[in-house]
Amino acid sequence: MRAPEEKTLIDGPAGKIELIIENPGAPRGIALIGHPHPLFGGANTNKVAHSLARTFVSLGYAAFRPNFRGVGQSEGKHDEGRGETEDMLAVLEEAKLRCGNLPVALAGFSFGAFVQTRVAKALVESGHPAQRLVLVGTAAGFVEGTRSYETEAVPADTIVIHGSADETVPLANVLKWAEPLELPVVVVPGADHFFHRRLHVIRELITRGWRH
């Protein structure tokens, strides 16, 4: 299943949010996609973020892929995850206006995965928890050149995917975060942070996980 890419601007807490929408028509759910760190070239066109969106479209979801504040045409300044969480919630409201009150999947890569753990917590607190999360290359613990990430706890059925050769977020960081949560982590042997030549593995893991 494919869907055309619609590019639009919506109103957010810090100004306009640039957004790519892929809606297959009569979607079974809404997928919110978070991209990697804005200060290191992260954008909604990132290959992993794009793959996450395409995977969810193939599963029948409408995929909403915003640029975080300060990226592309999205207004505002980078806010280390706080404002980005608010922006994601604003995108979700737009998605519900367009698609209805459907189940919500949260998917993110790197900094985007960290933000999605915060979004998931906010949705639980609002009484409308997400259906499920997919976190790839999750920013957790001390990451060289950025900061320490206090990554939130997530539900036990969260799909967590990490590369064994991740040079940006060491695998040990994610295992340390996941251990007290008794949260399984799927380790892709030889995969670097950006999953070069292994994007198909991410797609297969999510597709398989979603059908169970």
Protein backbone atom coordinates (compact mmCIF):
# COMPACT_ATOMS: atom_id res chain seq x y z
CA MET A 1 0.00 0.00 0.00
CA ARG A 2 1.29 3.43 -0.96
CA ALA A 3 -0.01 6.90 -0.23
CA PRO A 4 0.81 10.28 -1.77
CA GLU A 5 2.89 12.67 0.32
CA GLU A 6 1.04 15.84 1.29
CA LYS A 7 3.18 18.65 2.64
CA THR A 8 1.48 21.28 4.76
CA LEU A 9 1.93 23.77 7.61
CA ILE A 10 -0.19 23.65 10.76
CA ASP A 11 -0.33 25.89 13.83
CA GLY A 12 1.69 24.73 16.83
CA PRO A 13 2.62 26.10 20.27
CA ALA A 14 5.73 27.91 18.92
CA GLY A 15 4.39 28.85 15.48
CA LYS A 16 4.00 26.88 12.27
CA ILE A 17 4.84 23.16 12.15
CA GLU A 18 5.91 21.73 8.80
CA LEU A 19 4.31 18.35 8.25
CA ILE A 20 4.38 15.46 5.77
CA ILE A 21 1.18 13.42 5.72
CA GLU A 22 0.76 10.05 4.02
CA ASN A 23 -2.84 8.86 4.21
CA PRO A 24 -3.76 5.59 2.48
CA GLY A 25 -7.48 6.39 2.77
CA ALA A 26 -9.83 4.88 5.38
CA PRO A 27 -6.87 4.37 7.77
CA ARG A 28 -7.05 1.92 10.68
CA GLY A 29 -4.94 4.19 12.85
CA ILE A 30 -2.70 7.24 13.11
CA ALA A 31 1.09 6.93 13.21
CA LEU A 32 3.12 9.86 14.56
CA ILE A 33 6.76 9.77 13.44
CA GLY A 34 9.63 11.55 15.25
CA HIS A 35 12.89 12.38 13.45
CA PRO A 36 16.49 12.52 14.80
CA HIS A 37 18.22 15.44 16.53
CA PRO A 38 17.49 18.83 14.91
CA LEU A 39 20.89 20.30 15.81
CA PHE A 40 22.72 17.50 13.98
CA GLY A 41 20.87 17.58 10.68
CA GLY A 42 17.78 15.65 11.73
CA ALA A 43 14.64 16.29 9.68
CA ASN A 44 11.43 14.54 8.67
CA THR A 45 13.10 13.47 5.42
CA ASN A 46 15.61 11.32 7.34
CA LYS A 47 15.75 7.81 5.86
CA VAL A 48 14.83 6.01 9.08
CA ALA A 49 11.90 8.36 9.76
CA HIS A 50 10.80 7.92 6.14
CA SER A 51 11.01 4.13 6.47
CA LEU A 52 8.95 4.22 9.67
CA ALA A 53 6.26 6.26 7.91
CA ARG A 54 6.18 3.94 4.89
CA THR A 55 6.01 0.88 7.13
CA PHE A 56 2.97 2.21 8.95
CA VAL A 57 1.27 3.23 5.70
CA SER A 58 1.74 -0.36 4.50
CA LEU A 59 0.01 -1.48 7.72
CA GLY A 60 -2.96 0.79 6.92
CA TYR A 61 -2.08 3.78 9.11
CA ALA A 62 -2.09 7.45 8.16
CA ALA A 63 1.47 8.64 8.88
CA PHE A 64 2.15 12.16 10.19
CA ARG A 65 5.81 13.23 10.05
CA PRO A 66 6.48 16.73 11.41
CA ASN A 67 9.68 18.70 11.39
CA PHE A 68 10.61 19.59 14.95
CA ARG A 69 10.78 23.29 15.81
CA GLY A 70 13.60 25.14 14.09
CA VAL A 71 13.86 22.59 11.25
CA GLY A 72 12.79 23.41 7.69
CA GLN A 73 9.72 25.63 7.80
CA SER A 74 8.85 24.72 11.40
CA GLU A 75 9.08 27.82 13.57
CA GLY A 76 10.49 28.15 17.07
CA LYS A 77 13.79 27.05 18.61
CA HIS A 78 15.07 23.63 19.65
CA ASP A 79 13.79 22.89 23.17
CA GLU A 80 15.58 19.65 24.15
CA GLY A 81 12.38 17.59 23.97
CA ARG A 82 10.00 19.72 26.02
CA GLY A 83 8.53 21.90 23.28
CA GLU A 84 8.92 19.07 20.78
CA THR A 85 6.57 16.98 22.92
CA GLU A 86 4.00 19.79 22.82
CA ASP A 87 4.42 20.01 19.04
CA MET A 88 3.79 16.28 18.65
CA LEU A 89 0.59 16.59 20.68
CA ALA A 90 -0.50 19.46 18.40
CA VAL A 91 0.17 17.28 15.34
CA LEU A 92 -1.88 14.51 16.91
CA GLU A 93 -4.84 16.89 17.31
CA GLU A 94 -4.55 17.77 13.61
CA ALA A 95 -4.37 14.08 12.74
CA LYS A 96 -7.56 13.38 14.70
CA LEU A 97 -9.34 16.24 12.96
CA ARG A 98 -8.40 14.71 9.62
CA CYS A 99 -8.80 11.00 10.40
CA GLY A 100 -11.09 10.74 13.43
CA ASN A 101 -10.42 9.34 16.88
CA LEU A 102 -8.38 6.32 15.73
CA PRO A 103 -5.77 4.23 17.58
CA VAL A 104 -2.43 6.07 17.79
CA ALA A 105 0.97 4.50 17.15
CA LEU A 106 4.07 6.46 18.18
CA ALA A 107 7.30 5.81 16.30
CA GLY A 108 10.59 7.63 16.58
CA PHE A 109 14.26 7.46 15.72
CA SER A 110 17.09 8.65 18.01
CA PHE A 111 16.08 12.03 19.53
CA GLY A 112 12.64 11.41 18.00
CA ALA A 113 12.34 8.16 19.97
CA PHE A 114 13.23 10.02 23.17
CA VAL A 115 10.51 12.59 22.41
CA GLN A 116 7.97 9.83 21.77
CA THR A 117 8.55 8.38 25.26
CA ARG A 118 7.51 11.80 26.57
CA VAL A 119 4.50 11.95 24.24
CA ALA A 120 3.46 8.47 25.41
CA LYS A 121 3.62 9.60 29.05
CA ALA A 122 1.50 12.69 28.26
CA LEU A 123 -1.10 10.55 26.49
CA VAL A 124 -1.31 8.15 29.46
CA GLU A 125 -1.77 11.11 31.79
CA SER A 126 -4.56 12.48 29.57
CA GLY A 127 -6.39 9.14 29.76
CA HIS A 128 -5.86 8.31 26.06
CA PRO A 129 -2.77 6.08 25.90
CA ALA A 130 -1.12 5.21 22.60
CA GLN A 131 -1.87 1.87 21.04
CA ARG A 132 1.84 1.00 20.83
CA LEU A 133 5.34 2.47 20.42
CA VAL A 134 8.22 1.74 18.08
CA LEU A 135 11.58 3.17 19.19
CA VAL A 136 14.66 2.92 16.95
CA GLY A 137 18.17 3.98 17.98
CA THR A 138 16.65 5.48 21.12
CA ALA A 139 18.53 8.38 22.69
CA ALA A 140 19.10 7.32 26.31
CA GLY A 141 21.74 8.13 28.90
CA PHE A 142 24.82 10.22 28.04
CA VAL A 143 25.20 10.83 24.31
CA GLU A 144 28.47 12.41 23.16
CA GLY A 145 28.04 15.94 21.81
CA THR A 146 24.46 16.39 22.99
CA ARG A 147 23.53 15.68 26.61
CA SER A 148 22.16 13.08 29.00
CA TYR A 149 18.69 11.82 28.18
CA GLU A 150 16.24 10.95 30.93
CA THR A 151 14.21 8.65 28.71
CA GLU A 152 10.74 7.89 30.08
CA ALA A 153 9.43 4.43 30.93
CA VAL A 154 7.32 2.82 28.19
CA PRO A 155 4.83 -0.09 28.04
CA ALA A 156 6.07 -3.68 27.92
CA ASP A 157 4.83 -4.24 24.35
CA THR A 158 6.99 -1.41 22.95
CA ILE A 159 9.13 -2.48 19.98
CA VAL A 160 12.68 -1.30 20.75
CA ILE A 161 15.25 -1.74 17.96
CA HIS A 162 18.94 -0.87 18.27
CA GLY A 163 22.08 -1.52 16.25
CA SER A 164 24.94 -3.46 17.81
CA ALA A 165 27.40 -1.08 16.15
CA ASP A 166 25.59 2.16 17.05
CA GLU A 167 28.36 4.77 17.34
CA THR A 168 26.05 7.59 18.47
CA VAL A 169 23.94 6.00 21.21
CA PRO A 170 25.88 3.05 22.70
CA LEU A 171 23.83 -0.11 22.99
CA ALA A 172 24.78 -0.24 26.67
CA ASN A 173 22.84 3.01 27.26
CA VAL A 174 19.63 1.54 25.93
CA LEU A 175 20.08 -1.74 27.80
CA LYS A 176 20.61 0.21 31.04
CA TRP A 177 17.36 2.14 30.43
CA ALA A 178 15.44 -1.01 29.45
CA GLU A 179 16.69 -3.28 32.27
CA PRO A 180 14.59 -1.92 35.17
CA LEU A 181 11.56 -1.87 32.85
CA GLU A 182 12.13 -5.56 31.93
CA LEU A 183 11.81 -4.33 28.37
CA PRO A 184 13.19 -6.52 25.54
CA VAL A 185 15.51 -4.83 23.05
CA VAL A 186 15.88 -6.22 19.52
CA VAL A 187 19.55 -5.88 18.58
CA VAL A 188 20.39 -5.81 14.87
CA PRO A 189 23.93 -7.21 14.46
CA GLY A 190 26.32 -4.86 12.68
CA ALA A 191 23.78 -2.04 12.32
CA ASP A 192 25.08 1.49 12.90
CA HIS A 193 22.99 4.35 14.29
CA PHE A 194 21.43 5.15 10.91
CA PHE A 195 20.82 1.50 9.96
CA HIS A 196 22.67 1.83 6.65
CA ARG A 197 21.70 -1.10 4.41
CA ARG A 198 19.47 -2.45 7.19
CA LEU A 199 16.32 -0.34 6.88
CA HIS A 200 14.51 -3.43 5.55
CA VAL A 201 15.19 -5.15 8.88
CA ILE A 202 13.35 -2.37 10.74
CA ARG A 203 10.39 -2.70 8.37
CA GLU A 204 10.26 -6.48 8.81
CA LEU A 205 10.51 -6.32 12.62
CA ILE A 206 7.64 -3.81 12.89
CA THR A 207 5.44 -5.60 10.37
CA ARG A 208 5.96 -8.93 12.10
CA GLY A 209 5.39 -7.42 15.53
CA TRP A 210 2.21 -5.67 14.47
CA ARG A 211 0.58 -8.83 13.16
CA HIS A 212 0.83 -10.69 16.46
